[in-house]
Amino acid sequence: MAQQSAHPNIANGPVRTPAVRGIEKPVSRVALGFEAFESLADAAPILDGFLARGGTVLDTAHIYGEGRTEAILGQWMAERGVRSEVVVIGKGAHSPYTYPEVISAQLDESLARLQTDHVDVYLMHRDNPAVPVGEFVDAMDAQVSAGRIRGPFGGSNWTRERMDEAIAYARASGKRLPGVLSNNFSLAEMVDPVWPGCVSARSPLWGRWLSETGIVNLAWSSQARGFFTDRAGRDRLEDAELVRCWYSEANFARRERALALADRLGRSPIHIALAYCLNQAFSVLPLIGPRSVAELEDSLSATDIVLTPQEIAWLDEGAGQGL
């Protein structure tokens, strides 16, 4: 078991970094979810700390904060002069605007806010099964051709079936293939969608699909939104969303196993939850959402934990005789 360092660097270490096809910049082992900040003063210490620890991947979306968070991120990149160093994930076409013709206009707005001429990764934030999937692929391919998406594109909260259809259409029509996914994945299984239209990639079928395709899942709510902290418990019912989305007997059993392994390793259950994502056999790049520098440092301290396949299986299903 690797030792925790006082200042973990997530650009290298014992846990492998997922290879994101089409990205030539260094890709850190976790991404910073950039959604909840009100001002540059709030965000800058966390962004600076993330960059100082080797973090390069920043996740945002057209809908977050009605554009405020994209503008904050753009201001930070411009003031620090780091646009060429970071991997910016953008998202657009969120419900109810899940139409191909929306993609170009929303990307215009996002790029203006971000003070850049391109994003490195772009995701359709939701799917609209009523629209032929080829129309979405054509719209995204056009943005790649225009140089406004420099790396892979894909879907957030898309099903395997629709991703397969999109890949098949792209192959048949000579378009760029979708190359990235962003669905929920965590040690705790999402019982009820956090938001309407959310899709989880937490199943053996998803694991096989990700392994076979080589697609990286940019996993949102990778730490189950606080389920592995003191905010959760069988007698803790204050957080209605936590109760609705994560409370189940199977998840409480996983939480108890995470507590046991954390106690054995001298870590905390939230560290074990993040390590579960980082140590999968398929490619998962967890998104974390710290609201303070202390929370950032605490999350990043989990990136040196190496779990065996047996430990992964035990955390998930209690397989075997325990550890």
C-alpha atoms as a PDB file:
ATOM      1  CA  MET A   1       0.000   0.000   0.000  1.00  0.00           C
ATOM      2  CA  ALA A   2       1.403   3.360  -1.038  1.00  0.00           C
ATOM      3  CA  GLN A   3       1.950   5.926   1.667  1.00  0.00           C
ATOM      4  CA  GLN A   4       0.058   9.204   1.769  1.00  0.00           C
ATOM      5  CA  SER A   5       2.264  12.176   0.927  1.00  0.00           C
ATOM      6  CA  ALA A   6       1.906  15.556   2.555  1.00  0.00           C
ATOM      7  CA  HIS A   7       1.525  17.199  -0.854  1.00  0.00           C
ATOM      8  CA  PRO A   8       0.138  14.608  -3.274  1.00  0.00           C
ATOM      9  CA  ASN A   9       0.820  15.197  -6.937  1.00  0.00           C
ATOM     10  CA  ILE A  10      -1.912  13.770  -9.112  1.00  0.00           C
ATOM     11  CA  ALA A  11       0.047  14.026 -12.340  1.00  0.00           C
ATOM     12  CA  ASN A  12       1.975  10.902 -11.374  1.00  0.00           C
ATOM     13  CA  GLY A  13       1.875   8.222  -8.748  1.00  0.00           C
ATOM     14  CA  PRO A  14       1.043   4.561  -8.158  1.00  0.00           C
ATOM     15  CA  VAL A  15      -2.460   4.717  -9.668  1.00  0.00           C
ATOM     16  CA  ARG A  16      -2.444   4.822 -13.468  1.00  0.00           C
ATOM     17  CA  THR A  17      -3.770   7.812 -15.344  1.00  0.00           C
ATOM     18  CA  PRO A  18      -6.551   7.039 -17.844  1.00  0.00           C
ATOM     19  CA  ALA A  19      -5.554   7.530 -21.468  1.00  0.00           C
ATOM     20  CA  VAL A  20      -8.015   9.911 -23.091  1.00  0.00           C
ATOM     21  CA  ARG A  21      -7.715   9.415 -26.826  1.00  0.00           C
ATOM     22  CA  GLY A  22      -7.212  12.678 -28.665  1.00  0.00           C
ATOM     23  CA  ILE A  23      -5.725  14.566 -25.702  1.00  0.00           C
ATOM     24  CA  GLU A  24      -1.991  15.215 -25.968  1.00  0.00           C
ATOM     25  CA  LYS A  25      -1.696  17.294 -22.808  1.00  0.00           C
ATOM     26  CA  PRO A  26      -1.019  15.615 -19.456  1.00  0.00           C
ATOM     27  CA  VAL A  27      -4.250  14.247 -18.001  1.00  0.00           C
ATOM     28  CA  SER A  28      -4.515  14.194 -14.214  1.00  0.00           C
ATOM     29  CA  ARG A  29      -6.053  11.207 -12.440  1.00  0.00           C
ATOM     30  CA  VAL A  30      -8.994  13.253 -11.178  1.00  0.00           C
ATOM     31  CA  ALA A  31     -10.892  16.176 -12.660  1.00  0.00           C
ATOM     32  CA  LEU A  32     -12.066  19.262 -10.818  1.00  0.00           C
ATOM     33  CA  GLY A  33     -15.800  19.700 -11.200  1.00  0.00           C
ATOM     34  CA  PHE A  34     -16.334  23.428 -11.579  1.00  0.00           C
ATOM     35  CA  GLU A  35     -19.974  24.154 -10.813  1.00  0.00           C
ATOM     36  CA  ALA A  36     -20.686  25.801  -7.479  1.00  0.00           C
ATOM     37  CA  PHE A  37     -18.505  28.894  -7.244  1.00  0.00           C
ATOM     38  CA  GLU A  38     -19.924  32.418  -6.929  1.00  0.00           C
ATOM     39  CA  SER A  39     -16.802  34.463  -7.657  1.00  0.00           C
ATOM     40  CA  LEU A  40     -13.168  34.271  -8.687  1.00  0.00           C
ATOM     41  CA  ALA A  41     -12.194  34.978  -5.085  1.00  0.00           C
ATOM     42  CA  ASP A  42     -14.018  31.798  -4.029  1.00  0.00           C
ATOM     43  CA  ALA A  43     -12.684  29.661  -6.853  1.00  0.00           C
ATOM     44  CA  ALA A  44      -9.079  30.800  -7.280  1.00  0.00           C
ATOM     45  CA  PRO A  45      -7.573  29.152  -4.167  1.00  0.00           C
ATOM     46  CA  ILE A  46      -9.039  25.787  -5.184  1.00  0.00           C
ATOM     47  CA  LEU A  47      -8.051  26.148  -8.835  1.00  0.00           C
ATOM     48  CA  ASP A  48      -4.547  27.255  -7.848  1.00  0.00           C
ATOM     49  CA  GLY A  49      -4.227  24.363  -5.405  1.00  0.00           C
ATOM     50  CA  PHE A  50      -5.452  21.853  -7.964  1.00  0.00           C
ATOM     51  CA  LEU A  51      -2.968  23.099 -10.559  1.00  0.00           C
ATOM     52  CA  ALA A  52      -0.118  23.088  -8.015  1.00  0.00           C
ATOM     53  CA  ARG A  53      -0.796  19.420  -7.237  1.00  0.00           C
ATOM     54  CA  GLY A  54      -0.601  18.406 -10.896  1.00  0.00           C
ATOM     55  CA  GLY A  55      -4.298  18.741 -11.658  1.00  0.00           C
ATOM     56  CA  THR A  56      -5.015  19.548 -15.287  1.00  0.00           C
ATOM     57  CA  VAL A  57      -8.609  18.491 -16.045  1.00  0.00           C
ATOM     58  CA  LEU A  58     -11.363  21.057 -15.402  1.00  0.00           C
ATOM     59  CA  ASP A  59     -15.027  20.228 -15.946  1.00  0.00           C
ATOM     60  CA  THR A  60     -17.696  22.834 -16.596  1.00  0.00           C
ATOM     61  CA  ALA A  61     -20.913  23.290 -18.582  1.00  0.00           C
ATOM     62  CA  HIS A  62     -22.986  25.914 -20.367  1.00  0.00           C
ATOM     63  CA  ILE A  63     -25.831  25.515 -17.846  1.00  0.00           C
ATOM     64  CA  TYR A  64     -23.783  25.819 -14.619  1.00  0.00           C
ATOM     65  CA  GLY A  65     -24.621  28.986 -12.758  1.00  0.00           C
ATOM     66  CA  GLU A  66     -26.314  30.348 -15.893  1.00  0.00           C
ATOM     67  CA  GLY A  67     -22.857  30.870 -17.339  1.00  0.00           C
ATOM     68  CA  ARG A  68     -21.246  32.358 -14.245  1.00  0.00           C
ATOM     69  CA  THR A  69     -18.870  29.462 -13.594  1.00  0.00           C
ATOM     70  CA  GLU A  70     -17.600  29.396 -17.185  1.00  0.00           C
ATOM     71  CA  ALA A  71     -16.868  33.119 -16.908  1.00  0.00           C
ATOM     72  CA  ILE A  72     -15.015  32.603 -13.609  1.00  0.00           C
ATOM     73  CA  LEU A  73     -12.941  29.798 -15.092  1.00  0.00           C
ATOM     74  CA  GLY A  74     -12.166  31.905 -18.152  1.00  0.00           C
ATOM     75  CA  GLN A  75     -11.033  34.801 -15.989  1.00  0.00           C
ATOM     76  CA  TRP A  76      -8.808  32.521 -13.920  1.00  0.00           C
ATOM     77  CA  MET A  77      -7.182  30.935 -16.989  1.00  0.00           C
ATOM     78  CA  ALA A  78      -6.548  34.344 -18.521  1.00  0.00           C
ATOM     79  CA  GLU A  79      -5.077  35.865 -15.346  1.00  0.00           C
ATOM     80  CA  ARG A  80      -2.859  32.846 -14.668  1.00  0.00           C
ATOM     81  CA  GLY A  81      -1.914  32.326 -18.331  1.00  0.00           C
ATOM     82  CA  VAL A  82      -2.556  28.589 -18.087  1.00  0.00           C
ATOM     83  CA  ARG A  83      -5.003  27.859 -20.909  1.00  0.00           C
ATOM     84  CA  SER A  84      -2.421  25.775 -22.784  1.00  0.00           C
ATOM     85  CA  GLU A  85      -1.706  23.679 -19.678  1.00  0.00           C
ATOM     86  CA  VAL A  86      -5.232  22.633 -18.741  1.00  0.00           C
ATOM     87  CA  VAL A  87      -7.793  20.279 -20.262  1.00  0.00           C
ATOM     88  CA  VAL A  88     -11.166  22.031 -20.382  1.00  0.00           C
ATOM     89  CA  ILE A  89     -14.262  19.836 -20.550  1.00  0.00           C
ATOM     90  CA  GLY A  90     -17.312  21.688 -21.817  1.00  0.00           C
ATOM     91  CA  LYS A  91     -20.916  20.541 -21.992  1.00  0.00           C
ATOM     92  CA  GLY A  92     -23.980  21.798 -23.814  1.00  0.00           C
ATOM     93  CA  ALA A  93     -27.428  20.795 -25.083  1.00  0.00           C
ATOM     94  CA  HIS A  94     -28.889  20.213 -21.633  1.00  0.00           C
ATOM     95  CA  SER A  95     -32.619  19.629 -21.244  1.00  0.00           C
ATOM     96  CA  PRO A  96     -34.847  21.138 -22.540  1.00  0.00           C
ATOM     97  CA  TYR A  97     -32.425  22.269 -25.259  1.00  0.00           C
ATOM     98  CA  THR A  98     -31.367  18.788 -26.371  1.00  0.00           C
ATOM     99  CA  TYR A  99     -31.233  19.453 -30.090  1.00  0.00           C
ATOM    100  CA  PRO A 100     -28.310  19.329 -32.540  1.00  0.00           C
ATOM    101  CA  GLU A 101     -28.880  22.869 -33.770  1.00  0.00           C
ATOM    102  CA  VAL A 102     -28.327  24.214 -30.237  1.00  0.00           C
ATOM    103  CA  ILE A 103     -24.774  22.881 -29.968  1.00  0.00           C
ATOM    104  CA  SER A 104     -23.026  25.513 -32.103  1.00  0.00           C
ATOM    105  CA  ALA A 105     -24.801  28.476 -30.493  1.00  0.00           C
ATOM    106  CA  GLN A 106     -24.199  27.271 -26.946  1.00  0.00           C
ATOM    107  CA  LEU A 107     -20.567  26.529 -27.720  1.00  0.00           C
ATOM    108  CA  ASP A 108     -20.243  30.100 -29.031  1.00  0.00           C
ATOM    109  CA  GLU A 109     -21.427  31.399 -25.688  1.00  0.00           C
ATOM    110  CA  SER A 110     -19.236  29.008 -23.678  1.00  0.00           C
ATOM    111  CA  LEU A 111     -16.078  29.908 -25.590  1.00  0.00           C
ATOM    112  CA  ALA A 112     -16.740  33.612 -25.104  1.00  0.00           C
ATOM    113  CA  ARG A 113     -17.174  33.112 -21.368  1.00  0.00           C
ATOM    114  CA  LEU A 114     -14.087  30.895 -21.156  1.00  0.00           C
ATOM    115  CA  GLN A 115     -12.006  33.434 -23.139  1.00  0.00           C
ATOM    116  CA  THR A 116     -10.719  30.751 -25.475  1.00  0.00           C
ATOM    117  CA  ASP A 117     -11.273  29.579 -29.027  1.00  0.00           C
ATOM    118  CA  HIS A 118     -11.694  25.897 -28.190  1.00  0.00           C
ATOM    119  CA  VAL A 119     -12.501  23.300 -25.578  1.00  0.00           C
ATOM    120  CA  ASP A 120     -10.449  20.140 -25.234  1.00  0.00           C
ATOM    121  CA  VAL A 121     -13.407  17.808 -24.646  1.00  0.00           C
ATOM    122  CA  TYR A 122     -17.087  18.432 -25.344  1.00  0.00           C
ATOM    123  CA  LEU A 123     -20.107  16.514 -24.135  1.00  0.00           C
ATOM    124  CA  MET A 124     -23.781  16.577 -24.989  1.00  0.00           C
ATOM    125  CA  HIS A 125     -25.113  17.102 -21.483  1.00  0.00           C
ATOM    126  CA  ARG A 126     -28.261  15.042 -22.030  1.00  0.00           C
ATOM    127  CA  ASP A 127     -29.648  12.835 -24.790  1.00  0.00           C
ATOM    128  CA  ASN A 128     -32.878  13.215 -26.731  1.00  0.00           C
ATOM    129  CA  PRO A 129     -33.859   9.766 -28.055  1.00  0.00           C
ATOM    130  CA  ALA A 130     -36.481  11.388 -30.275  1.00  0.00           C
ATOM    131  CA  VAL A 131     -33.660  12.868 -32.392  1.00  0.00           C
ATOM    132  CA  PRO A 132     -31.785  10.498 -34.754  1.00  0.00           C
ATOM    133  CA  VAL A 133     -28.378  10.000 -33.187  1.00  0.00           C
ATOM    134  CA  GLY A 134     -26.613  10.772 -36.449  1.00  0.00           C
ATOM    135  CA  GLU A 135     -27.783  14.388 -36.249  1.00  0.00           C
ATOM    136  CA  PHE A 136     -25.927  14.807 -32.946  1.00  0.00           C
ATOM    137  CA  VAL A 137     -22.791  13.154 -34.359  1.00  0.00           C
ATOM    138  CA  ASP A 138     -22.905  15.420 -37.419  1.00  0.00           C
ATOM    139  CA  ALA A 139     -23.253  18.528 -35.246  1.00  0.00           C
ATOM    140  CA  MET A 140     -20.350  17.559 -33.000  1.00  0.00           C
ATOM    141  CA  ASP A 141     -18.162  16.476 -35.921  1.00  0.00           C
ATOM    142  CA  ALA A 142     -18.691  19.899 -37.496  1.00  0.00           C
ATOM    143  CA  GLN A 143     -17.330  21.584 -34.351  1.00  0.00           C
ATOM    144  CA  VAL A 144     -14.265  19.328 -34.419  1.00  0.00           C
ATOM    145  CA  SER A 145     -13.692  20.233 -38.077  1.00  0.00           C
ATOM    146  CA  ALA A 146     -13.958  23.908 -37.158  1.00  0.00           C
ATOM    147  CA  GLY A 147     -11.254  23.466 -34.494  1.00  0.00           C
ATOM    148  CA  ARG A 148     -13.574  24.446 -31.669  1.00  0.00           C
ATOM    149  CA  ILE A 149     -13.351  20.963 -30.118  1.00  0.00           C
ATOM    150  CA  ARG A 150      -9.691  19.886 -30.111  1.00  0.00           C
ATOM    151  CA  GLY A 151     -10.130  16.453 -28.525  1.00  0.00           C
ATOM    152  CA  PRO A 152     -12.871  13.850 -28.137  1.00  0.00           C
ATOM    153  CA  PHE A 153     -16.590  14.463 -27.886  1.00  0.00           C
ATOM    154  CA  GLY A 154     -19.282  12.272 -26.411  1.00  0.00           C
ATOM    155  CA  GLY A 155     -22.322  12.118 -24.206  1.00  0.00           C
ATOM    156  CA  SER A 156     -23.088  12.819 -20.574  1.00  0.00           C
ATOM    157  CA  ASN A 157     -25.959  10.728 -19.210  1.00  0.00           C
ATOM    158  CA  TRP A 158     -26.218   8.666 -22.369  1.00  0.00           C
ATOM    159  CA  THR A 159     -27.105   4.983 -22.474  1.00  0.00           C
ATOM    160  CA  ARG A 160     -24.846   2.285 -23.914  1.00  0.00           C
ATOM    161  CA  GLU A 161     -27.352   1.696 -26.678  1.00  0.00           C
ATOM    162  CA  ARG A 162     -27.290   5.299 -27.857  1.00  0.00           C
ATOM    163  CA  MET A 163     -23.505   5.495 -27.565  1.00  0.00           C
ATOM    164  CA  ASP A 164     -23.229   2.326 -29.656  1.00  0.00           C
ATOM    165  CA  GLU A 165     -25.591   3.804 -32.246  1.00  0.00           C
ATOM    166  CA  ALA A 166     -23.539   7.003 -32.353  1.00  0.00           C
ATOM    167  CA  ILE A 167     -20.281   5.073 -32.797  1.00  0.00           C
ATOM    168  CA  ALA A 168     -21.789   2.891 -35.529  1.00  0.00           C
ATOM    169  CA  TYR A 169     -23.173   5.921 -37.379  1.00  0.00           C
ATOM    170  CA  ALA A 170     -19.821   7.734 -37.184  1.00  0.00           C
ATOM    171  CA  ARG A 171     -17.980   4.703 -38.568  1.00  0.00           C
ATOM    172  CA  ALA A 172     -20.452   4.223 -41.401  1.00  0.00           C
ATOM    173  CA  SER A 173     -20.446   7.914 -42.391  1.00  0.00           C
ATOM    174  CA  GLY A 174     -16.740   8.627 -41.998  1.00  0.00           C
ATOM    175  CA  LYS A 175     -17.246  11.033 -39.095  1.00  0.00           C
ATOM    176  CA  ARG A 176     -15.205  11.285 -35.903  1.00  0.00           C
ATOM    177  CA  LEU A 177     -16.171   8.646 -33.378  1.00  0.00           C
ATOM    178  CA  PRO A 178     -17.519   9.626 -29.969  1.00  0.00           C
ATOM    179  CA  GLY A 179     -14.645   8.982 -27.580  1.00  0.00           C
ATOM    180  CA  VAL A 180     -15.695   9.924 -24.067  1.00  0.00           C
ATOM    181  CA  LEU A 181     -18.587   9.411 -21.648  1.00  0.00           C
ATOM    182  CA  SER A 182     -19.664  11.206 -18.480  1.00  0.00           C
ATOM    183  CA  ASN A 183     -22.094   9.133 -16.420  1.00  0.00           C
ATOM    184  CA  ASN A 184     -22.389   8.585 -12.699  1.00  0.00           C
ATOM    185  CA  PHE A 185     -20.031   6.042 -11.152  1.00  0.00           C
ATOM    186  CA  SER A 186     -19.201   5.539  -7.476  1.00  0.00           C
ATOM    187  CA  LEU A 187     -18.852   2.876  -4.808  1.00  0.00           C
ATOM    188  CA  ALA A 188     -22.433   3.637  -3.792  1.00  0.00           C
ATOM    189  CA  GLU A 189     -25.022   2.766  -6.409  1.00  0.00           C
ATOM    190  CA  MET A 190     -27.378   5.608  -7.374  1.00  0.00           C
ATOM    191  CA  VAL A 191     -30.808   4.442  -6.187  1.00  0.00           C
ATOM    192  CA  ASP A 192     -32.760   7.319  -7.714  1.00  0.00           C
ATOM    193  CA  PRO A 193     -31.376   9.795 -10.286  1.00  0.00           C
ATOM    194  CA  VAL A 194     -29.903  12.900  -8.686  1.00  0.00           C
ATOM    195  CA  TRP A 195     -31.428  14.977 -11.499  1.00  0.00           C
ATOM    196  CA  PRO A 196     -33.951  13.992 -14.178  1.00  0.00           C
ATOM    197  CA  GLY A 197     -32.339  12.167 -17.059  1.00  0.00           C
ATOM    198  CA  CYS A 198     -29.260  11.049 -15.135  1.00  0.00           C
ATOM    199  CA  VAL A 199     -27.659   7.750 -16.136  1.00  0.00           C
ATOM    200  CA  SER A 200     -25.339   5.561 -14.044  1.00  0.00           C
ATOM    201  CA  ALA A 201     -22.501   3.514 -15.533  1.00  0.00           C
ATOM    202  CA  ARG A 202     -22.261   1.349 -12.447  1.00  0.00           C
ATOM    203  CA  SER A 203     -22.882  -2.228 -13.587  1.00  0.00           C
ATOM    204  CA  PRO A 204     -20.852  -5.191 -14.891  1.00  0.00           C
ATOM    205  CA  LEU A 205     -22.301  -4.554 -18.368  1.00  0.00           C
ATOM    206  CA  TRP A 206     -21.027  -0.986 -18.302  1.00  0.00           C
ATOM    207  CA  GLY A 207     -17.634  -2.160 -17.065  1.00  0.00           C
ATOM    208  CA  ARG A 208     -17.298  -4.591 -19.953  1.00  0.00           C
ATOM    209  CA  TRP A 209     -18.435  -1.950 -22.434  1.00  0.00           C
ATOM    210  CA  LEU A 210     -15.903   0.593 -21.171  1.00  0.00           C
ATOM    211  CA  SER A 211     -13.142  -2.023 -21.290  1.00  0.00           C
ATOM    212  CA  GLU A 212     -14.027  -3.128 -24.826  1.00  0.00           C
ATOM    213  CA  THR A 213     -14.401   0.378 -26.256  1.00  0.00           C
ATOM    214  CA  GLY A 214     -11.496   1.975 -24.386  1.00  0.00           C
ATOM    215  CA  ILE A 215     -13.729   4.950 -23.663  1.00  0.00           C
ATOM    216  CA  VAL A 216     -13.015   6.875 -20.473  1.00  0.00           C
ATOM    217  CA  ASN A 217     -15.913   7.615 -18.127  1.00  0.00           C
ATOM    218  CA  LEU A 218     -15.647  11.068 -16.578  1.00  0.00           C
ATOM    219  CA  ALA A 219     -17.509   9.979 -13.469  1.00  0.00           C
ATOM    220  CA  TRP A 220     -19.666  12.609 -11.788  1.00  0.00           C
ATOM    221  CA  SER A 221     -20.693  12.265  -8.118  1.00  0.00           C
ATOM    222  CA  SER A 222     -17.758   9.877  -7.802  1.00  0.00           C
ATOM    223  CA  GLN A 223     -17.904  10.132  -3.998  1.00  0.00           C
ATOM    224  CA  ALA A 224     -21.712   9.772  -3.885  1.00  0.00           C
ATOM    225  CA  ARG A 225     -22.297  13.366  -2.818  1.00  0.00           C
ATOM    226  CA  GLY A 226     -21.323  12.854   0.820  1.00  0.00           C
ATOM    227  CA  PHE A 227     -22.683   9.347   1.433  1.00  0.00           C
ATOM    228  CA  PHE A 228     -19.278   8.239   2.780  1.00  0.00           C
ATOM    229  CA  THR A 229     -19.009  11.114   5.252  1.00  0.00           C
ATOM    230  CA  ASP A 230     -20.696  11.805   8.583  1.00  0.00           C
ATOM    231  CA  ARG A 231     -23.521  13.490   6.690  1.00  0.00           C
ATOM    232  CA  ALA A 232     -24.963  10.031   5.999  1.00  0.00           C
ATOM    233  CA  GLY A 233     -26.141   7.281   8.322  1.00  0.00           C
ATOM    234  CA  ARG A 234     -29.187   5.152   8.948  1.00  0.00           C
ATOM    235  CA  ASP A 235     -30.408   7.732  11.473  1.00  0.00           C
ATOM    236  CA  ARG A 236     -29.287  10.787   9.460  1.00  0.00           C
ATOM    237  CA  LEU A 237     -32.294  11.930   7.445  1.00  0.00           C
ATOM    238  CA  GLU A 238     -31.674  15.686   7.244  1.00  0.00           C
ATOM    239  CA  ASP A 239     -30.402  15.679   3.650  1.00  0.00           C
ATOM    240  CA  ALA A 240     -33.408  14.673   1.556  1.00  0.00           C
ATOM    241  CA  GLU A 241     -31.392  14.302  -1.648  1.00  0.00           C
ATOM    242  CA  LEU A 242     -28.840  12.045   0.026  1.00  0.00           C
ATOM    243  CA  VAL A 243     -31.635   9.865   1.411  1.00  0.00           C
ATOM    244  CA  ARG A 244     -33.519   9.691  -1.880  1.00  0.00           C
ATOM    245  CA  CYS A 245     -30.562   9.003  -4.138  1.00  0.00           C
ATOM    246  CA  TRP A 246     -28.199   6.838  -2.092  1.00  0.00           C
ATOM    247  CA  TYR A 247     -29.928   5.229   0.896  1.00  0.00           C
ATOM    248  CA  SER A 248     -30.320   1.471   0.449  1.00  0.00           C
ATOM    249  CA  GLU A 249     -29.323  -1.607   2.398  1.00  0.00           C
ATOM    250  CA  ALA A 250     -26.734  -2.523  -0.245  1.00  0.00           C
ATOM    251  CA  ASN A 251     -25.163   0.931  -0.077  1.00  0.00           C
ATOM    252  CA  PHE A 252     -25.055   0.952   3.722  1.00  0.00           C
ATOM    253  CA  ALA A 253     -23.285  -2.413   3.579  1.00  0.00           C
ATOM    254  CA  ARG A 254     -20.745  -0.884   1.164  1.00  0.00           C
ATOM    255  CA  ARG A 255     -20.363   2.079   3.499  1.00  0.00           C
ATOM    256  CA  GLU A 256     -19.645  -0.243   6.428  1.00  0.00           C
ATOM    257  CA  ARG A 257     -16.999  -2.088   4.402  1.00  0.00           C
ATOM    258  CA  ALA A 258     -15.444   1.242   3.386  1.00  0.00           C
ATOM    259  CA  LEU A 259     -15.350   2.221   7.080  1.00  0.00           C
ATOM    260  CA  ALA A 260     -13.634  -1.066   7.943  1.00  0.00           C
ATOM    261  CA  LEU A 261     -11.005  -0.751   5.213  1.00  0.00           C
ATOM    262  CA  ALA A 262     -10.435   2.911   6.041  1.00  0.00           C
ATOM    263  CA  ASP A 263      -9.854   2.009   9.681  1.00  0.00           C
ATOM    264  CA  ARG A 264      -7.372  -0.678   8.679  1.00  0.00           C
ATOM    265  CA  LEU A 265      -5.423   1.698   6.405  1.00  0.00           C
ATOM    266  CA  GLY A 266      -5.595   4.729   8.669  1.00  0.00           C
ATOM    267  CA  ARG A 267      -7.613   6.660   6.112  1.00  0.00           C
ATOM    268  CA  SER A 268     -11.226   7.860   5.905  1.00  0.00           C
ATOM    269  CA  PRO A 269     -14.188   6.241   4.103  1.00  0.00           C
ATOM    270  CA  ILE A 270     -14.361   9.075   1.556  1.00  0.00           C
ATOM    271  CA  HIS A 271     -10.760   8.242   0.565  1.00  0.00           C
ATOM    272  CA  ILE A 272     -11.736   4.607   0.038  1.00  0.00           C
ATOM    273  CA  ALA A 273     -14.724   5.665  -2.069  1.00  0.00           C
ATOM    274  CA  LEU A 274     -12.511   7.707  -4.401  1.00  0.00           C
ATOM    275  CA  ALA A 275      -9.855   4.977  -4.521  1.00  0.00           C
ATOM    276  CA  TYR A 276     -12.592   2.527  -5.594  1.00  0.00           C
ATOM    277  CA  CYS A 277     -13.130   4.641  -8.718  1.00  0.00           C
ATOM    278  CA  LEU A 278      -9.441   5.169  -9.401  1.00  0.00           C
ATOM    279  CA  ASN A 279      -8.542   1.478  -9.228  1.00  0.00           C
ATOM    280  CA  GLN A 280     -11.090  -0.002 -11.637  1.00  0.00           C
ATOM    281  CA  ALA A 281      -9.905  -2.312 -14.431  1.00  0.00           C
ATOM    282  CA  PHE A 282     -11.562   0.014 -16.952  1.00  0.00           C
ATOM    283  CA  SER A 283     -10.904   3.733 -17.337  1.00  0.00           C
ATOM    284  CA  VAL A 284     -12.650   6.005 -14.849  1.00  0.00           C
ATOM    285  CA  LEU A 285     -11.602   9.610 -14.385  1.00  0.00           C
ATOM    286  CA  PRO A 286     -13.465  10.794 -11.285  1.00  0.00           C
ATOM    287  CA  LEU A 287     -14.828  14.310 -11.007  1.00  0.00           C
ATOM    288  CA  ILE A 288     -14.470  15.815  -7.542  1.00  0.00           C
ATOM    289  CA  GLY A 289     -16.231  18.919  -6.268  1.00  0.00           C
ATOM    290  CA  PRO A 290     -14.379  20.396  -3.280  1.00  0.00           C
ATOM    291  CA  ARG A 291     -15.757  23.636  -1.880  1.00  0.00           C
ATOM    292  CA  SER A 292     -12.594  24.555   0.051  1.00  0.00           C
ATOM    293  CA  VAL A 293      -8.836  24.050  -0.117  1.00  0.00           C
ATOM    294  CA  ALA A 294      -9.081  21.685   2.864  1.00  0.00           C
ATOM    295  CA  GLU A 295     -11.626  19.530   1.016  1.00  0.00           C
ATOM    296  CA  LEU A 296      -9.417  19.582  -2.089  1.00  0.00           C
ATOM    297  CA  GLU A 297      -6.356  18.410  -0.170  1.00  0.00           C
ATOM    298  CA  ASP A 298      -8.379  15.735   1.571  1.00  0.00           C
ATOM    299  CA  SER A 299      -9.735  14.344  -1.711  1.00  0.00           C
ATOM    300  CA  LEU A 300      -6.361  14.413  -3.449  1.00  0.00           C
ATOM    301  CA  SER A 301      -4.779  12.507  -0.578  1.00  0.00           C
ATOM    302  CA  ALA A 302      -6.722   9.442  -1.760  1.00  0.00           C
ATOM    303  CA  THR A 303      -4.940   9.288  -5.109  1.00  0.00           C
ATOM    304  CA  ASP A 304      -2.044   7.253  -3.735  1.00  0.00           C
ATOM    305  CA  ILE A 305      -4.239   4.371  -2.504  1.00  0.00           C
ATOM    306  CA  VAL A 306      -3.764   1.176  -4.480  1.00  0.00           C
ATOM    307  CA  LEU A 307      -6.573  -1.380  -4.193  1.00  0.00           C
ATOM    308  CA  THR A 308      -6.377  -4.945  -5.439  1.00  0.00           C
ATOM    309  CA  PRO A 309      -9.122  -6.524  -7.570  1.00  0.00           C
ATOM    310  CA  GLN A 310     -10.049  -8.562  -4.500  1.00  0.00           C
ATOM    311  CA  GLU A 311     -10.435  -5.418  -2.392  1.00  0.00           C
ATOM    312  CA  ILE A 312     -12.532  -3.806  -5.130  1.00  0.00           C
ATOM    313  CA  ALA A 313     -14.841  -6.847  -5.249  1.00  0.00           C
ATOM    314  CA  TRP A 314     -15.094  -6.961  -1.458  1.00  0.00           C
ATOM    315  CA  LEU A 315     -15.992  -3.282  -1.205  1.00  0.00           C
ATOM    316  CA  ASP A 316     -18.646  -3.704  -3.876  1.00  0.00           C
ATOM    317  CA  GLU A 317     -20.319  -6.970  -2.974  1.00  0.00           C
ATOM    318  CA  GLY A 318     -18.591  -8.286   0.126  1.00  0.00           C
ATOM    319  CA  ALA A 319     -17.130 -11.085  -2.002  1.00  0.00           C
ATOM    320  CA  GLY A 320     -14.933 -13.615  -0.237  1.00  0.00           C
ATOM    321  CA  GLN A 321     -14.330 -13.900   3.480  1.00  0.00           C
ATOM    322  CA  GLY A 322     -13.433 -10.299   4.166  1.00  0.00           C
ATOM    323  CA  LEU A 323     -10.064  -8.601   4.287  1.00  0.00           C
END
